[in-house]
Amino acid sequence: MIQDAYVEHLVKRKTPPYAIAVKVLLGILFAVALFMALTTYIGILVLLAVCALSYFVLLNLNIEFEYLYIDGQLSIDKILNRNKRKKMLECDKDSLLMLAPLDSYVLKDYEGTGVKVIDCSSGRADAKKYAFIYQSGQQRMKVIIEPNDRLLQCIRNTTPRKVVL
């Protein structure tokens, strides 16, 4: 009997070191724009522009990645500031070429010119990172992830020859 594989794993991206400086700078910009809005008409436009800029910058400072594996289909979503979700990629087991640790020699055979690299990891130096190579049309993609043991085992159970642990 084949058991349905379902694994969900959430990885929080490390907060960049410049995040505090950016927040302070945005606070100062907001205070200046608010003062301008109270004194001039153009200040209202500046205030609206600073508010829009702050929204997009703060949205991209807090990022999480959700790995979802369901019956041979790996889906990676980028979650911005815990409220906005963006689909990064979907890969089925037939288009998966190889999954191996990032420093594995096995990946060298699949890497070459024109390989697009997508980093969906936390960015921490001490994390155990894996890379999977898959074919999307004519484009070969290398995706860097941080799977847990359960996710690795599910992928290995569905495609044992394409996974190196």
C-alpha atoms as a PDB file:
ATOM      1  CA  MET A   1       0.000   0.000   0.000  1.00  0.00           C
ATOM      2  CA  ILE A   2       1.355   3.382  -0.999  1.00  0.00           C
ATOM      3  CA  GLN A   3       1.002   5.974   1.707  1.00  0.00           C
ATOM      4  CA  ASP A   4       0.232   9.558   0.719  1.00  0.00           C
ATOM      5  CA  ALA A   5       3.177  11.828   1.467  1.00  0.00           C
ATOM      6  CA  TYR A   6       2.441  15.194   3.083  1.00  0.00           C
ATOM      7  CA  VAL A   7       5.052  17.353   4.774  1.00  0.00           C
ATOM      8  CA  GLU A   8       4.952  21.033   5.632  1.00  0.00           C
ATOM      9  CA  HIS A   9       8.071  22.839   6.857  1.00  0.00           C
ATOM     10  CA  LEU A  10       8.559  26.535   7.646  1.00  0.00           C
ATOM     11  CA  VAL A  11      11.971  28.244   7.520  1.00  0.00           C
ATOM     12  CA  LYS A  12      12.420  31.815   8.758  1.00  0.00           C
ATOM     13  CA  ARG A  13      15.010  33.870   6.935  1.00  0.00           C
ATOM     14  CA  LYS A  14      17.612  35.460   9.168  1.00  0.00           C
ATOM     15  CA  THR A  15      16.934  39.132   9.780  1.00  0.00           C
ATOM     16  CA  PRO A  16      19.564  41.133   7.902  1.00  0.00           C
ATOM     17  CA  PRO A  17      22.036  43.104  10.022  1.00  0.00           C
ATOM     18  CA  TYR A  18      20.993  46.380   8.421  1.00  0.00           C
ATOM     19  CA  ALA A  19      17.310  45.974   9.435  1.00  0.00           C
ATOM     20  CA  ILE A  20      17.560  48.164  12.556  1.00  0.00           C
ATOM     21  CA  ALA A  21      19.298  50.949  10.638  1.00  0.00           C
ATOM     22  CA  VAL A  22      16.627  50.798   7.927  1.00  0.00           C
ATOM     23  CA  LYS A  23      13.824  51.009  10.500  1.00  0.00           C
ATOM     24  CA  VAL A  24      15.439  54.013  12.188  1.00  0.00           C
ATOM     25  CA  LEU A  25      15.952  55.725   8.830  1.00  0.00           C
ATOM     26  CA  LEU A  26      12.317  55.094   7.869  1.00  0.00           C
ATOM     27  CA  GLY A  27      11.203  56.548  11.216  1.00  0.00           C
ATOM     28  CA  ILE A  28      13.229  59.700  10.612  1.00  0.00           C
ATOM     29  CA  LEU A  29      11.902  59.987   7.050  1.00  0.00           C
ATOM     30  CA  PHE A  30       8.351  59.593   8.348  1.00  0.00           C
ATOM     31  CA  ALA A  31       8.851  62.336  10.975  1.00  0.00           C
ATOM     32  CA  VAL A  32      10.269  64.734   8.380  1.00  0.00           C
ATOM     33  CA  ALA A  33       7.482  63.914   5.907  1.00  0.00           C
ATOM     34  CA  LEU A  34       4.848  64.407   8.614  1.00  0.00           C
ATOM     35  CA  PHE A  35       6.300  67.817   9.474  1.00  0.00           C
ATOM     36  CA  MET A  36       6.311  68.704   5.759  1.00  0.00           C
ATOM     37  CA  ALA A  37       2.700  67.545   5.402  1.00  0.00           C
ATOM     38  CA  LEU A  38       1.640  69.860   8.221  1.00  0.00           C
ATOM     39  CA  THR A  39       3.374  72.861   6.669  1.00  0.00           C
ATOM     40  CA  THR A  40       3.071  72.470   2.863  1.00  0.00           C
ATOM     41  CA  TYR A  41       0.781  70.847   0.322  1.00  0.00           C
ATOM     42  CA  ILE A  42       3.632  68.985  -1.355  1.00  0.00           C
ATOM     43  CA  GLY A  43       4.424  67.521   2.035  1.00  0.00           C
ATOM     44  CA  ILE A  44       1.252  65.421   1.800  1.00  0.00           C
ATOM     45  CA  LEU A  45       2.578  63.765  -1.364  1.00  0.00           C
ATOM     46  CA  VAL A  46       5.950  63.229   0.280  1.00  0.00           C
ATOM     47  CA  LEU A  47       4.209  61.666   3.297  1.00  0.00           C
ATOM     48  CA  LEU A  48       2.253  59.290   1.049  1.00  0.00           C
ATOM     49  CA  ALA A  49       5.438  58.331  -0.812  1.00  0.00           C
ATOM     50  CA  VAL A  50       7.288  57.657   2.467  1.00  0.00           C
ATOM     51  CA  CYS A  51       4.369  55.545   3.724  1.00  0.00           C
ATOM     52  CA  ALA A  52       4.377  53.460   0.517  1.00  0.00           C
ATOM     53  CA  LEU A  53       8.159  53.069   0.655  1.00  0.00           C
ATOM     54  CA  SER A  54       7.990  52.030   4.312  1.00  0.00           C
ATOM     55  CA  TYR A  55       5.328  49.430   3.584  1.00  0.00           C
ATOM     56  CA  PHE A  56       7.346  47.712   0.855  1.00  0.00           C
ATOM     57  CA  VAL A  57      10.655  47.890   2.686  1.00  0.00           C
ATOM     58  CA  LEU A  58       9.263  46.550   5.972  1.00  0.00           C
ATOM     59  CA  LEU A  59       7.376  43.847   4.091  1.00  0.00           C
ATOM     60  CA  ASN A  60      10.648  42.486   2.720  1.00  0.00           C
ATOM     61  CA  LEU A  61      12.570  42.547   6.006  1.00  0.00           C
ATOM     62  CA  ASN A  62      10.595  39.681   7.592  1.00  0.00           C
ATOM     63  CA  ILE A  63      10.604  36.682   5.227  1.00  0.00           C
ATOM     64  CA  GLU A  64       9.701  33.033   5.794  1.00  0.00           C
ATOM     65  CA  PHE A  65       9.720  30.144   3.351  1.00  0.00           C
ATOM     66  CA  GLU A  66       7.149  27.366   3.469  1.00  0.00           C
ATOM     67  CA  TYR A  67       8.078  24.041   1.902  1.00  0.00           C
ATOM     68  CA  LEU A  68       5.057  21.895   1.129  1.00  0.00           C
ATOM     69  CA  TYR A  69       5.472  18.367  -0.226  1.00  0.00           C
ATOM     70  CA  ILE A  70       2.341  16.519  -1.301  1.00  0.00           C
ATOM     71  CA  ASP A  71       2.515  13.247  -3.228  1.00  0.00           C
ATOM     72  CA  GLY A  72       5.574  14.040  -5.313  1.00  0.00           C
ATOM     73  CA  GLN A  73       4.855  17.768  -5.715  1.00  0.00           C
ATOM     74  CA  LEU A  74       7.171  20.233  -3.947  1.00  0.00           C
ATOM     75  CA  SER A  75       5.844  23.753  -3.577  1.00  0.00           C
ATOM     76  CA  ILE A  76       7.802  26.639  -2.057  1.00  0.00           C
ATOM     77  CA  ASP A  77       6.024  29.806  -0.940  1.00  0.00           C
ATOM     78  CA  LYS A  78       7.615  33.030   0.261  1.00  0.00           C
ATOM     79  CA  ILE A  79       5.709  34.577   3.174  1.00  0.00           C
ATOM     80  CA  LEU A  80       6.302  38.304   3.556  1.00  0.00           C
ATOM     81  CA  ASN A  81       5.797  39.806   7.018  1.00  0.00           C
ATOM     82  CA  ARG A  82       3.561  36.873   8.024  1.00  0.00           C
ATOM     83  CA  ASN A  83       0.608  38.114   5.992  1.00  0.00           C
ATOM     84  CA  LYS A  84       1.408  38.100   2.274  1.00  0.00           C
ATOM     85  CA  ARG A  85       2.162  34.885   0.401  1.00  0.00           C
ATOM     86  CA  LYS A  86       3.984  34.593  -2.900  1.00  0.00           C
ATOM     87  CA  LYS A  87       4.445  31.326  -4.794  1.00  0.00           C
ATOM     88  CA  MET A  88       8.144  30.850  -5.542  1.00  0.00           C
ATOM     89  CA  LEU A  89       8.052  27.563  -7.433  1.00  0.00           C
ATOM     90  CA  GLU A  90       6.403  24.212  -7.942  1.00  0.00           C
ATOM     91  CA  CYS A  91       8.302  21.108  -8.896  1.00  0.00           C
ATOM     92  CA  ASP A  92       6.992  17.597  -9.429  1.00  0.00           C
ATOM     93  CA  LYS A  93       8.993  14.436  -8.984  1.00  0.00           C
ATOM     94  CA  ASP A  94       9.384  13.909 -12.739  1.00  0.00           C
ATOM     95  CA  SER A  95      11.158  17.242 -13.292  1.00  0.00           C
ATOM     96  CA  LEU A  96      13.420  16.778 -10.230  1.00  0.00           C
ATOM     97  CA  LEU A  97      16.916  15.846 -11.387  1.00  0.00           C
ATOM     98  CA  MET A  98      18.856  15.675  -8.101  1.00  0.00           C
ATOM     99  CA  LEU A  99      18.576  16.560  -4.416  1.00  0.00           C
ATOM    100  CA  ALA A 100      21.819  16.594  -2.432  1.00  0.00           C
ATOM    101  CA  PRO A 101      23.648  18.546   0.273  1.00  0.00           C
ATOM    102  CA  LEU A 102      24.828  21.892  -1.013  1.00  0.00           C
ATOM    103  CA  ASP A 103      28.507  20.941  -0.758  1.00  0.00           C
ATOM    104  CA  SER A 104      28.047  17.535  -2.438  1.00  0.00           C
ATOM    105  CA  TYR A 105      30.157  16.571  -5.428  1.00  0.00           C
ATOM    106  CA  VAL A 106      27.070  15.032  -7.079  1.00  0.00           C
ATOM    107  CA  LEU A 107      25.670  18.483  -7.882  1.00  0.00           C
ATOM    108  CA  LYS A 108      28.701  19.382 -10.013  1.00  0.00           C
ATOM    109  CA  ASP A 109      27.402  17.205 -12.867  1.00  0.00           C
ATOM    110  CA  TYR A 110      24.136  19.162 -13.026  1.00  0.00           C
ATOM    111  CA  GLU A 111      25.520  22.659 -12.629  1.00  0.00           C
ATOM    112  CA  GLY A 112      26.704  24.550 -15.640  1.00  0.00           C
ATOM    113  CA  THR A 113      26.264  27.765 -17.492  1.00  0.00           C
ATOM    114  CA  GLY A 114      22.773  29.170 -17.563  1.00  0.00           C
ATOM    115  CA  VAL A 115      21.628  27.515 -14.327  1.00  0.00           C
ATOM    116  CA  LYS A 116      19.356  29.871 -12.412  1.00  0.00           C
ATOM    117  CA  VAL A 117      19.932  29.828  -8.635  1.00  0.00           C
ATOM    118  CA  ILE A 118      17.101  30.545  -6.181  1.00  0.00           C
ATOM    119  CA  ASP A 119      17.954  30.774  -2.479  1.00  0.00           C
ATOM    120  CA  CYS A 120      15.026  29.698  -0.284  1.00  0.00           C
ATOM    121  CA  SER A 121      17.064  29.123   2.863  1.00  0.00           C
ATOM    122  CA  SER A 122      17.385  30.983   6.145  1.00  0.00           C
ATOM    123  CA  GLY A 123      20.769  32.461   5.287  1.00  0.00           C
ATOM    124  CA  ARG A 124      22.384  31.144   8.466  1.00  0.00           C
ATOM    125  CA  ALA A 125      25.911  29.823   8.074  1.00  0.00           C
ATOM    126  CA  ASP A 126      25.386  26.920  10.499  1.00  0.00           C
ATOM    127  CA  ALA A 127      22.257  25.549   8.781  1.00  0.00           C
ATOM    128  CA  LYS A 128      22.307  22.268   6.862  1.00  0.00           C
ATOM    129  CA  LYS A 129      21.499  23.364   3.319  1.00  0.00           C
ATOM    130  CA  TYR A 130      20.480  21.192   0.420  1.00  0.00           C
ATOM    131  CA  ALA A 131      20.185  22.009  -3.257  1.00  0.00           C
ATOM    132  CA  PHE A 132      17.816  20.487  -5.678  1.00  0.00           C
ATOM    133  CA  ILE A 133      18.185  20.732  -9.403  1.00  0.00           C
ATOM    134  CA  TYR A 134      15.120  20.573 -11.569  1.00  0.00           C
ATOM    135  CA  GLN A 135      14.207  21.176 -15.184  1.00  0.00           C
ATOM    136  CA  SER A 136      11.533  23.767 -15.942  1.00  0.00           C
ATOM    137  CA  GLY A 137      11.004  23.713 -19.690  1.00  0.00           C
ATOM    138  CA  GLN A 138      14.415  24.428 -21.203  1.00  0.00           C
ATOM    139  CA  GLN A 139      15.646  26.185 -18.035  1.00  0.00           C
ATOM    140  CA  ARG A 140      17.588  24.255 -15.406  1.00  0.00           C
ATOM    141  CA  MET A 141      17.112  25.609 -11.866  1.00  0.00           C
ATOM    142  CA  LYS A 142      19.120  25.160  -8.675  1.00  0.00           C
ATOM    143  CA  VAL A 143      17.125  25.828  -5.517  1.00  0.00           C
ATOM    144  CA  ILE A 144      18.814  26.064  -2.113  1.00  0.00           C
ATOM    145  CA  ILE A 145      16.593  24.846   0.737  1.00  0.00           C
ATOM    146  CA  GLU A 146      16.799  23.776   4.391  1.00  0.00           C
ATOM    147  CA  PRO A 147      14.595  20.706   4.656  1.00  0.00           C
ATOM    148  CA  ASN A 148      13.922  18.823   7.854  1.00  0.00           C
ATOM    149  CA  ASP A 149      14.463  15.063   8.116  1.00  0.00           C
ATOM    150  CA  ARG A 150      10.820  14.256   7.467  1.00  0.00           C
ATOM    151  CA  LEU A 151      10.774  16.237   4.212  1.00  0.00           C
ATOM    152  CA  LEU A 152      13.984  14.586   3.038  1.00  0.00           C
ATOM    153  CA  GLN A 153      12.592  11.157   3.845  1.00  0.00           C
ATOM    154  CA  CYS A 154       9.342  11.791   1.953  1.00  0.00           C
ATOM    155  CA  ILE A 155      11.204  12.979  -1.134  1.00  0.00           C
ATOM    156  CA  ARG A 156      13.533  10.006  -0.867  1.00  0.00           C
ATOM    157  CA  ASN A 157      10.586   7.605  -0.586  1.00  0.00           C
ATOM    158  CA  THR A 158       8.990   8.909  -3.793  1.00  0.00           C
ATOM    159  CA  THR A 159      12.215   9.372  -5.838  1.00  0.00           C
ATOM    160  CA  PRO A 160      14.961   7.268  -4.230  1.00  0.00           C
ATOM    161  CA  ARG A 161      17.455   7.480  -7.100  1.00  0.00           C
ATOM    162  CA  LYS A 162      17.376  11.262  -7.228  1.00  0.00           C
ATOM    163  CA  VAL A 163      18.177  11.915  -3.549  1.00  0.00           C
ATOM    164  CA  VAL A 164      21.634  11.875  -1.967  1.00  0.00           C
ATOM    165  CA  LEU A 165      21.710  12.303   1.816  1.00  0.00           C
END
